[in-house]
Amino acid sequence: MKQLTVRGLGDDLTGAIRRLANRDGTSLNRAAVKLLRRGAGLEGRQAADAVGSSLDCFIGSWSDAEADETERALRHFETIDEAMWD
């Protein structure tokens, strides 16, 4: 296990670590590691490159006409405009 010293946490972050440690009944170190992992997207939430569920509410909510209109509006993204890259 690697060891790391972190300075300059500030009172607000130190307080959050202490509250988490007290709430969970763990050490300050474990609480800090938990917050670091959560902030890095490694724990508690899905990783940044994972497909989330935030758009699930739209599944089945569009009519066929709305879906067709959206599909037509997005078609221009399928073509690369070579002139833009010169």
PDB file of N, CA and C in Angstrom:
ATOM      1  N   MET A   1       0.849  -1.171   0.000  1.00  0.00           N
ATOM      2  CA  MET A   1       0.000   0.000   0.000  1.00  0.00           C
ATOM      3  C   MET A   1       0.893   1.232   0.000  1.00  0.00           C
ATOM      4  N   LYS A   2       0.610   2.163  -0.892  1.00  0.00           N
ATOM      5  CA  LYS A   2       1.388   3.402  -1.000  1.00  0.00           C
ATOM      6  C   LYS A   2       0.978   4.387   0.083  1.00  0.00           C
ATOM      7  N   GLN A   3       1.901   5.262   0.429  1.00  0.00           N
ATOM      8  CA  GLN A   3       1.648   6.280   1.438  1.00  0.00           C
ATOM      9  C   GLN A   3       1.846   7.634   0.794  1.00  0.00           C
ATOM     10  N   LEU A   4       1.029   8.605   1.186  1.00  0.00           N
ATOM     11  CA  LEU A   4       1.068   9.929   0.582  1.00  0.00           C
ATOM     12  C   LEU A   4       0.761  10.956   1.650  1.00  0.00           C
ATOM     13  N   THR A   5       1.488  12.059   1.639  1.00  0.00           N
ATOM     14  CA  THR A   5       1.206  13.160   2.553  1.00  0.00           C
ATOM     15  C   THR A   5       0.530  14.258   1.756  1.00  0.00           C
ATOM     16  N   VAL A   6      -0.589  14.752   2.273  1.00  0.00           N
ATOM     17  CA  VAL A   6      -1.338  15.812   1.602  1.00  0.00           C
ATOM     18  C   VAL A   6      -1.399  17.009   2.528  1.00  0.00           C
ATOM     19  N   ARG A   7      -1.017  18.176   2.012  1.00  0.00           N
ATOM     20  CA  ARG A   7      -1.030  19.403   2.810  1.00  0.00           C
ATOM     21  C   ARG A   7      -2.044  20.376   2.237  1.00  0.00           C
ATOM     22  N   GLY A   8      -2.428  21.338   3.031  1.00  0.00           N
ATOM     23  CA  GLY A   8      -3.287  22.418   2.554  1.00  0.00           C
ATOM     24  C   GLY A   8      -4.733  22.010   2.336  1.00  0.00           C
ATOM     25  N   LEU A   9      -5.244  21.112   3.175  1.00  0.00           N
ATOM     26  CA  LEU A   9      -6.620  20.645   3.001  1.00  0.00           C
ATOM     27  C   LEU A   9      -7.646  21.724   3.310  1.00  0.00           C
ATOM     28  N   GLY A  10      -7.333  22.620   4.220  1.00  0.00           N
ATOM     29  CA  GLY A  10      -8.285  23.659   4.599  1.00  0.00           C
ATOM     30  C   GLY A  10      -9.269  23.145   5.644  1.00  0.00           C
ATOM     31  N   ASP A  11      -9.859  24.092   6.346  1.00  0.00           N
ATOM     32  CA  ASP A  11     -10.754  23.741   7.440  1.00  0.00           C
ATOM     33  C   ASP A  11     -12.022  23.033   6.967  1.00  0.00           C
ATOM     34  N   ASP A  12     -12.563  23.451   5.826  1.00  0.00           N
ATOM     35  CA  ASP A  12     -13.811  22.848   5.351  1.00  0.00           C
ATOM     36  C   ASP A  12     -13.629  21.388   4.975  1.00  0.00           C
ATOM     37  N   LEU A  13     -12.541  21.080   4.268  1.00  0.00           N
ATOM     38  CA  LEU A  13     -12.288  19.690   3.881  1.00  0.00           C
ATOM     39  C   LEU A  13     -11.901  18.844   5.087  1.00  0.00           C
ATOM     40  N   THR A  14     -11.091  19.407   5.970  1.00  0.00           N
ATOM     41  CA  THR A  14     -10.728  18.684   7.195  1.00  0.00           C
ATOM     42  C   THR A  14     -11.979  18.360   8.008  1.00  0.00           C
ATOM     43  N   GLY A  15     -12.881  19.322   8.089  1.00  0.00           N
ATOM     44  CA  GLY A  15     -14.135  19.096   8.801  1.00  0.00           C
ATOM     45  C   GLY A  15     -14.970  17.999   8.160  1.00  0.00           C
ATOM     46  N   ALA A  16     -15.021  17.979   6.826  1.00  0.00           N
ATOM     47  CA  ALA A  16     -15.777  16.937   6.123  1.00  0.00           C
ATOM     48  C   ALA A  16     -15.174  15.561   6.382  1.00  0.00           C
ATOM     49  N   ILE A  17     -13.855  15.484   6.406  1.00  0.00           N
ATOM     50  CA  ILE A  17     -13.187  14.207   6.686  1.00  0.00           C
ATOM     51  C   ILE A  17     -13.501  13.761   8.112  1.00  0.00           C
ATOM     52  N   ARG A  18     -13.426  14.684   9.054  1.00  0.00           N
ATOM     53  CA  ARG A  18     -13.730  14.354  10.452  1.00  0.00           C
ATOM     54  C   ARG A  18     -15.181  13.902  10.622  1.00  0.00           C
ATOM     55  N   ARG A  19     -16.118  14.593   9.979  1.00  0.00           N
ATOM     56  CA  ARG A  19     -17.532  14.205  10.075  1.00  0.00           C
ATOM     57  C   ARG A  19     -17.766  12.816   9.497  1.00  0.00           C
ATOM     58  N   LEU A  20     -17.145  12.525   8.358  1.00  0.00           N
ATOM     59  CA  LEU A  20     -17.283  11.208   7.744  1.00  0.00           C
ATOM     60  C   LEU A  20     -16.694  10.132   8.644  1.00  0.00           C
ATOM     61  N   ALA A  21     -15.526  10.410   9.210  1.00  0.00           N
ATOM     62  CA  ALA A  21     -14.883   9.443  10.106  1.00  0.00           C
ATOM     63  C   ALA A  21     -15.760   9.182  11.330  1.00  0.00           C
ATOM     64  N   ASN A  22     -16.317  10.239  11.899  1.00  0.00           N
ATOM     65  CA  ASN A  22     -17.198  10.076  13.064  1.00  0.00           C
ATOM     66  C   ASN A  22     -18.465   9.321  12.694  1.00  0.00           C
ATOM     67  N   ARG A  23     -19.056   9.676  11.577  1.00  0.00           N
ATOM     68  CA  ARG A  23     -20.294   9.023  11.143  1.00  0.00           C
ATOM     69  C   ARG A  23     -20.090   7.535  10.894  1.00  0.00           C
ATOM     70  N   ASP A  24     -18.975   7.199  10.216  1.00  0.00           N
ATOM     71  CA  ASP A  24     -18.704   5.805   9.868  1.00  0.00           C
ATOM     72  C   ASP A  24     -17.970   5.038  10.962  1.00  0.00           C
ATOM     73  N   GLY A  25     -17.488   5.756  11.988  1.00  0.00           N
ATOM     74  CA  GLY A  25     -16.719   5.099  13.042  1.00  0.00           C
ATOM     75  C   GLY A  25     -15.391   4.575  12.546  1.00  0.00           C
ATOM     76  N   THR A  26     -14.743   5.335  11.638  1.00  0.00           N
ATOM     77  CA  THR A  26     -13.457   4.917  11.072  1.00  0.00           C
ATOM     78  C   THR A  26     -12.391   5.959  11.395  1.00  0.00           C
ATOM     79  N   SER A  27     -11.192   5.662  10.967  1.00  0.00           N
ATOM     80  CA  SER A  27     -10.082   6.594  11.172  1.00  0.00           C
ATOM     81  C   SER A  27     -10.181   7.749  10.179  1.00  0.00           C
ATOM     82  N   LEU A  28      -9.450   8.815  10.494  1.00  0.00           N
ATOM     83  CA  LEU A  28      -9.378   9.941   9.562  1.00  0.00           C
ATOM     84  C   LEU A  28      -8.776   9.502   8.231  1.00  0.00           C
ATOM     85  N   ASN A  29      -7.787   8.630   8.290  1.00  0.00           N
ATOM     86  CA  ASN A  29      -7.145   8.148   7.071  1.00  0.00           C
ATOM     87  C   ASN A  29      -8.152   7.427   6.178  1.00  0.00           C
ATOM     88  N   ARG A  30      -8.931   6.509   6.762  1.00  0.00           N
ATOM     89  CA  ARG A  30      -9.918   5.777   5.962  1.00  0.00           C
ATOM     90  C   ARG A  30     -10.968   6.716   5.376  1.00  0.00           C
ATOM     91  N   ALA A  31     -11.384   7.692   6.160  1.00  0.00           N
ATOM     92  CA  ALA A  31     -12.370   8.655   5.679  1.00  0.00           C
ATOM     93  C   ALA A  31     -11.792   9.477   4.521  1.00  0.00           C
ATOM     94  N   ALA A  32     -10.540   9.915   4.660  1.00  0.00           N
ATOM     95  CA  ALA A  32      -9.901  10.691   3.600  1.00  0.00           C
ATOM     96  C   ALA A  32      -9.757   9.863   2.330  1.00  0.00           C
ATOM     97  N   VAL A  33      -9.358   8.612   2.461  1.00  0.00           N
ATOM     98  CA  VAL A  33      -9.219   7.731   1.293  1.00  0.00           C
ATOM     99  C   VAL A  33     -10.579   7.522   0.630  1.00  0.00           C
ATOM    100  N   LYS A  34     -11.615   7.340   1.439  1.00  0.00           N
ATOM    101  CA  LYS A  34     -12.963   7.157   0.890  1.00  0.00           C
ATOM    102  C   LYS A  34     -13.384   8.384   0.078  1.00  0.00           C
ATOM    103  N   LEU A  35     -13.154   9.582   0.623  1.00  0.00           N
ATOM    104  CA  LEU A  35     -13.507  10.804  -0.096  1.00  0.00           C
ATOM    105  C   LEU A  35     -12.667  10.982  -1.356  1.00  0.00           C
ATOM    106  N   LEU A  36     -11.389  10.644  -1.293  1.00  0.00           N
ATOM    107  CA  LEU A  36     -10.532  10.734  -2.478  1.00  0.00           C
ATOM    108  C   LEU A  36     -11.006   9.779  -3.578  1.00  0.00           C
ATOM    109  N   ARG A  37     -11.328   8.541  -3.200  1.00  0.00           N
ATOM    110  CA  ARG A  37     -11.804   7.558  -4.183  1.00  0.00           C
ATOM    111  C   ARG A  37     -13.133   8.002  -4.796  1.00  0.00           C
ATOM    112  N   ARG A  38     -14.007   8.535  -3.941  1.00  0.00           N
ATOM    113  CA  ARG A  38     -15.304   9.012  -4.430  1.00  0.00           C
ATOM    114  C   ARG A  38     -15.108  10.180  -5.394  1.00  0.00           C
ATOM    115  N   GLY A  39     -14.247  11.119  -5.021  1.00  0.00           N
ATOM    116  CA  GLY A  39     -13.979  12.281  -5.862  1.00  0.00           C
ATOM    117  C   GLY A  39     -13.326  11.923  -7.181  1.00  0.00           C
ATOM    118  N   ALA A  40     -12.558  10.840  -7.192  1.00  0.00           N
ATOM    119  CA  ALA A  40     -11.899  10.386  -8.417  1.00  0.00           C
ATOM    120  C   ALA A  40     -12.819   9.519  -9.270  1.00  0.00           C
ATOM    121  N   GLY A  41     -14.052   9.298  -8.795  1.00  0.00           N
ATOM    122  CA  GLY A  41     -14.993   8.484  -9.557  1.00  0.00           C
ATOM    123  C   GLY A  41     -14.731   7.000  -9.443  1.00  0.00           C
ATOM    124  N   LEU A  42     -13.988   6.591  -8.426  1.00  0.00           N
ATOM    125  CA  LEU A  42     -13.637   5.183  -8.264  1.00  0.00           C
ATOM    126  C   LEU A  42     -14.551   4.450  -7.297  1.00  0.00           C
ATOM    127  N   GLU A  43     -15.412   5.187  -6.596  1.00  0.00           N
ATOM    128  CA  GLU A  43     -16.248   4.569  -5.582  1.00  0.00           C
ATOM    129  C   GLU A  43     -17.500   5.424  -5.375  1.00  0.00           C
ATOM    130  N   GLY A  44     -18.597   4.772  -5.083  1.00  0.00           N
ATOM    131  CA  GLY A  44     -19.802   5.499  -4.735  1.00  0.00           C
ATOM    132  C   GLY A  44     -20.606   5.980  -5.913  1.00  0.00           C
ATOM    133  N   ARG A  45     -19.956   6.231  -7.005  1.00  0.00           N
ATOM    134  CA  ARG A  45     -20.604   6.637  -8.248  1.00  0.00           C
ATOM    135  C   ARG A  45     -19.988   5.830  -9.358  1.00  0.00           C
ATOM    136  N   GLN A  46     -20.612   5.883 -10.496  1.00  0.00           N
ATOM    137  CA  GLN A  46     -20.038   5.178 -11.630  1.00  0.00           C
ATOM    138  C   GLN A  46     -18.804   5.922 -12.123  1.00  0.00           C
ATOM    139  N   ALA A  47     -17.876   5.186 -12.668  1.00  0.00           N
ATOM    140  CA  ALA A  47     -16.682   5.808 -13.228  1.00  0.00           C
ATOM    141  C   ALA A  47     -17.082   6.764 -14.350  1.00  0.00           C
ATOM    142  N   ALA A  48     -16.251   7.761 -14.602  1.00  0.00           N
ATOM    143  CA  ALA A  48     -16.581   8.791 -15.577  1.00  0.00           C
ATOM    144  C   ALA A  48     -16.831   8.240 -16.979  1.00  0.00           C
ATOM    145  N   ASP A  49     -16.197   7.149 -17.345  1.00  0.00           N
ATOM    146  CA  ASP A  49     -16.377   6.615 -18.692  1.00  0.00           C
ATOM    147  C   ASP A  49     -17.498   5.585 -18.777  1.00  0.00           C
ATOM    148  N   ALA A  50     -18.200   5.350 -17.686  1.00  0.00           N
ATOM    149  CA  ALA A  50     -19.299   4.392 -17.693  1.00  0.00           C
ATOM    150  C   ALA A  50     -20.582   5.065 -18.161  1.00  0.00           C
ATOM    151  N   VAL A  51     -21.431   4.292 -18.789  1.00  0.00           N
ATOM    152  CA  VAL A  51     -22.717   4.816 -19.219  1.00  0.00           C
ATOM    153  C   VAL A  51     -23.622   4.875 -18.001  1.00  0.00           C
ATOM    154  N   GLY A  52     -24.144   6.035 -17.721  1.00  0.00           N
ATOM    155  CA  GLY A  52     -24.991   6.213 -16.555  1.00  0.00           C
ATOM    156  C   GLY A  52     -26.461   6.025 -16.874  1.00  0.00           C
ATOM    157  N   SER A  53     -27.286   6.338 -15.910  1.00  0.00           N
ATOM    158  CA  SER A  53     -28.726   6.161 -16.076  1.00  0.00           C
ATOM    159  C   SER A  53     -29.464   7.491 -16.067  1.00  0.00           C
ATOM    160  N   SER A  54     -28.749   8.608 -16.192  1.00  0.00           N
ATOM    161  CA  SER A  54     -29.379   9.920 -16.060  1.00  0.00           C
ATOM    162  C   SER A  54     -30.376  10.228 -17.171  1.00  0.00           C
ATOM    163  N   LEU A  55     -30.296   9.555 -18.299  1.00  0.00           N
ATOM    164  CA  LEU A  55     -31.229   9.805 -19.400  1.00  0.00           C
ATOM    165  C   LEU A  55     -32.306   8.734 -19.510  1.00  0.00           C
ATOM    166  N   ASP A  56     -32.335   7.810 -18.564  1.00  0.00           N
ATOM    167  CA  ASP A  56     -33.310   6.718 -18.607  1.00  0.00           C
ATOM    168  C   ASP A  56     -34.752   7.208 -18.616  1.00  0.00           C
ATOM    169  N   CYS A  57     -34.991   8.375 -18.042  1.00  0.00           N
ATOM    170  CA  CYS A  57     -36.362   8.900 -17.989  1.00  0.00           C
ATOM    171  C   CYS A  57     -36.912   9.172 -19.389  1.00  0.00           C
ATOM    172  N   PHE A  58     -36.042   9.286 -20.391  1.00  0.00           N
ATOM    173  CA  PHE A  58     -36.495   9.541 -21.754  1.00  0.00           C
ATOM    174  C   PHE A  58     -36.873   8.266 -22.508  1.00  0.00           C
ATOM    175  N   ILE A  59     -36.498   7.119 -21.985  1.00  0.00           N
ATOM    176  CA  ILE A  59     -36.774   5.864 -22.669  1.00  0.00           C
ATOM    177  C   ILE A  59     -38.280   5.673 -22.768  1.00  0.00           C
ATOM    178  N   GLY A  60     -38.741   5.534 -23.999  1.00  0.00           N
ATOM    179  CA  GLY A  60     -40.159   5.307 -24.240  1.00  0.00           C
ATOM    180  C   GLY A  60     -41.033   6.533 -24.087  1.00  0.00           C
ATOM    181  N   SER A  61     -40.442   7.707 -23.862  1.00  0.00           N
ATOM    182  CA  SER A  61     -41.252   8.902 -23.632  1.00  0.00           C
ATOM    183  C   SER A  61     -41.544   9.684 -24.903  1.00  0.00           C
ATOM    184  N   TRP A  62     -40.793   9.433 -25.992  1.00  0.00           N
ATOM    185  CA  TRP A  62     -41.007  10.155 -27.232  1.00  0.00           C
ATOM    186  C   TRP A  62     -41.973   9.391 -28.127  1.00  0.00           C
ATOM    187  N   SER A  63     -42.746  10.153 -28.863  1.00  0.00           N
ATOM    188  CA  SER A  63     -43.591   9.533 -29.882  1.00  0.00           C
ATOM    189  C   SER A  63     -42.695   9.170 -31.073  1.00  0.00           C
ATOM    190  N   ASP A  64     -43.233   8.389 -32.001  1.00  0.00           N
ATOM    191  CA  ASP A  64     -42.453   8.043 -33.195  1.00  0.00           C
ATOM    192  C   ASP A  64     -42.081   9.301 -33.970  1.00  0.00           C
ATOM    193  N   ALA A  65     -42.987  10.259 -34.035  1.00  0.00           N
ATOM    194  CA  ALA A  65     -42.720  11.508 -34.760  1.00  0.00           C
ATOM    195  C   ALA A  65     -41.594  12.289 -34.099  1.00  0.00           C
ATOM    196  N   GLU A  66     -41.595  12.366 -32.767  1.00  0.00           N
ATOM    197  CA  GLU A  66     -40.533  13.074 -32.043  1.00  0.00           C
ATOM    198  C   GLU A  66     -39.191  12.378 -32.228  1.00  0.00           C
ATOM    199  N   ALA A  67     -39.192  11.063 -32.193  1.00  0.00           N
ATOM    200  CA  ALA A  67     -37.958  10.306 -32.396  1.00  0.00           C
ATOM    201  C   ALA A  67     -37.413  10.521 -33.794  1.00  0.00           C
ATOM    202  N   ASP A  68     -38.305  10.510 -34.802  1.00  0.00           N
ATOM    203  CA  ASP A  68     -37.880  10.746 -36.193  1.00  0.00           C
ATOM    204  C   ASP A  68     -37.318  12.152 -36.357  1.00  0.00           C
ATOM    205  N   GLU A  69     -37.966  13.136 -35.744  1.00  0.00           N
ATOM    206  CA  GLU A  69     -37.499  14.523 -35.834  1.00  0.00           C
ATOM    207  C   GLU A  69     -36.113  14.669 -35.207  1.00  0.00           C
ATOM    208  N   THR A  70     -35.903  14.049 -34.074  1.00  0.00           N
ATOM    209  CA  THR A  70     -34.597  14.101 -33.414  1.00  0.00           C
ATOM    210  C   THR A  70     -33.542  13.417 -34.257  1.00  0.00           C
ATOM    211  N   GLU A  71     -33.875  12.277 -34.819  1.00  0.00           N
ATOM    212  CA  GLU A  71     -32.945  11.549 -35.689  1.00  0.00           C
ATOM    213  C   GLU A  71     -32.539  12.413 -36.882  1.00  0.00           C
ATOM    214  N   ARG A  72     -33.513  13.079 -37.493  1.00  0.00           N
ATOM    215  CA  ARG A  72     -33.201  13.959 -38.633  1.00  0.00           C
ATOM    216  C   ARG A  72     -32.297  15.115 -38.203  1.00  0.00           C
ATOM    217  N   ALA A  73     -32.561  15.683 -37.030  1.00  0.00           N
ATOM    218  CA  ALA A  73     -31.765  16.816 -36.550  1.00  0.00           C
ATOM    219  C   ALA A  73     -30.318  16.418 -36.259  1.00  0.00           C
ATOM    220  N   LEU A  74     -30.108  15.169 -35.897  1.00  0.00           N
ATOM    221  CA  LEU A  74     -28.758  14.712 -35.548  1.00  0.00           C
ATOM    222  C   LEU A  74     -27.965  14.179 -36.735  1.00  0.00           C
ATOM    223  N   ARG A  75     -28.590  13.996 -37.867  1.00  0.00           N
ATOM    224  CA  ARG A  75     -27.896  13.411 -39.024  1.00  0.00           C
ATOM    225  C   ARG A  75     -26.685  14.207 -39.473  1.00  0.00           C
ATOM    226  N   HIS A  76     -26.745  15.538 -39.360  1.00  0.00           N
ATOM    227  CA  HIS A  76     -25.610  16.341 -39.836  1.00  0.00           C
ATOM    228  C   HIS A  76     -24.345  16.089 -39.020  1.00  0.00           C
ATOM    229  N   PHE A  77     -24.457  15.485 -37.845  1.00  0.00           N
ATOM    230  CA  PHE A  77     -23.273  15.150 -37.054  1.00  0.00           C
ATOM    231  C   PHE A  77     -22.551  13.918 -37.593  1.00  0.00           C
ATOM    232  N   GLU A  78     -23.183  13.190 -38.500  1.00  0.00           N
ATOM    233  CA  GLU A  78     -22.579  11.975 -39.054  1.00  0.00           C
ATOM    234  C   GLU A  78     -21.574  12.285 -40.155  1.00  0.00           C
ATOM    235  N   THR A  79     -21.600  13.518 -40.677  1.00  0.00           N
ATOM    236  CA  THR A  79     -20.733  13.891 -41.789  1.00  0.00           C
ATOM    237  C   THR A  79     -19.659  14.857 -41.303  1.00  0.00           C
ATOM    238  N   ILE A  80     -18.426  14.597 -41.682  1.00  0.00           N
ATOM    239  CA  ILE A  80     -17.305  15.459 -41.312  1.00  0.00           C
ATOM    240  C   ILE A  80     -17.135  16.512 -42.393  1.00  0.00           C
ATOM    241  N   ASP A  81     -17.107  17.762 -41.999  1.00  0.00           N
ATOM    242  CA  ASP A  81     -16.874  18.859 -42.932  1.00  0.00           C
ATOM    243  C   ASP A  81     -15.366  19.058 -43.036  1.00  0.00           C
ATOM    244  N   GLU A  82     -14.786  18.538 -44.099  1.00  0.00           N
ATOM    245  CA  GLU A  82     -13.334  18.581 -44.279  1.00  0.00           C
ATOM    246  C   GLU A  82     -12.802  20.011 -44.308  1.00  0.00           C
ATOM    247  N   ALA A  83     -13.611  20.972 -44.783  1.00  0.00           N
ATOM    248  CA  ALA A  83     -13.172  22.359 -44.884  1.00  0.00           C
ATOM    249  C   ALA A  83     -12.887  22.962 -43.514  1.00  0.00           C
ATOM    250  N   MET A  84     -13.552  22.451 -42.504  1.00  0.00           N
ATOM    251  CA  MET A  84     -13.325  22.971 -41.155  1.00  0.00           C
ATOM    252  C   MET A  84     -11.961  22.585 -40.611  1.00  0.00           C
ATOM    253  N   TRP A  85     -11.317  21.594 -41.205  1.00  0.00           N
ATOM    254  CA  TRP A  85     -10.050  21.081 -40.685  1.00  0.00           C
ATOM    255  C   TRP A  85      -8.851  21.570 -41.485  1.00  0.00           C
ATOM    256  N   ASP A  86      -9.064  22.458 -42.418  1.00  0.00           N
ATOM    257  CA  ASP A  86      -7.943  22.984 -43.220  1.00  0.00           C
ATOM    258  C   ASP A  86      -7.305  24.157 -42.557  1.00  0.00           C
TER     259      ASP A  86
END
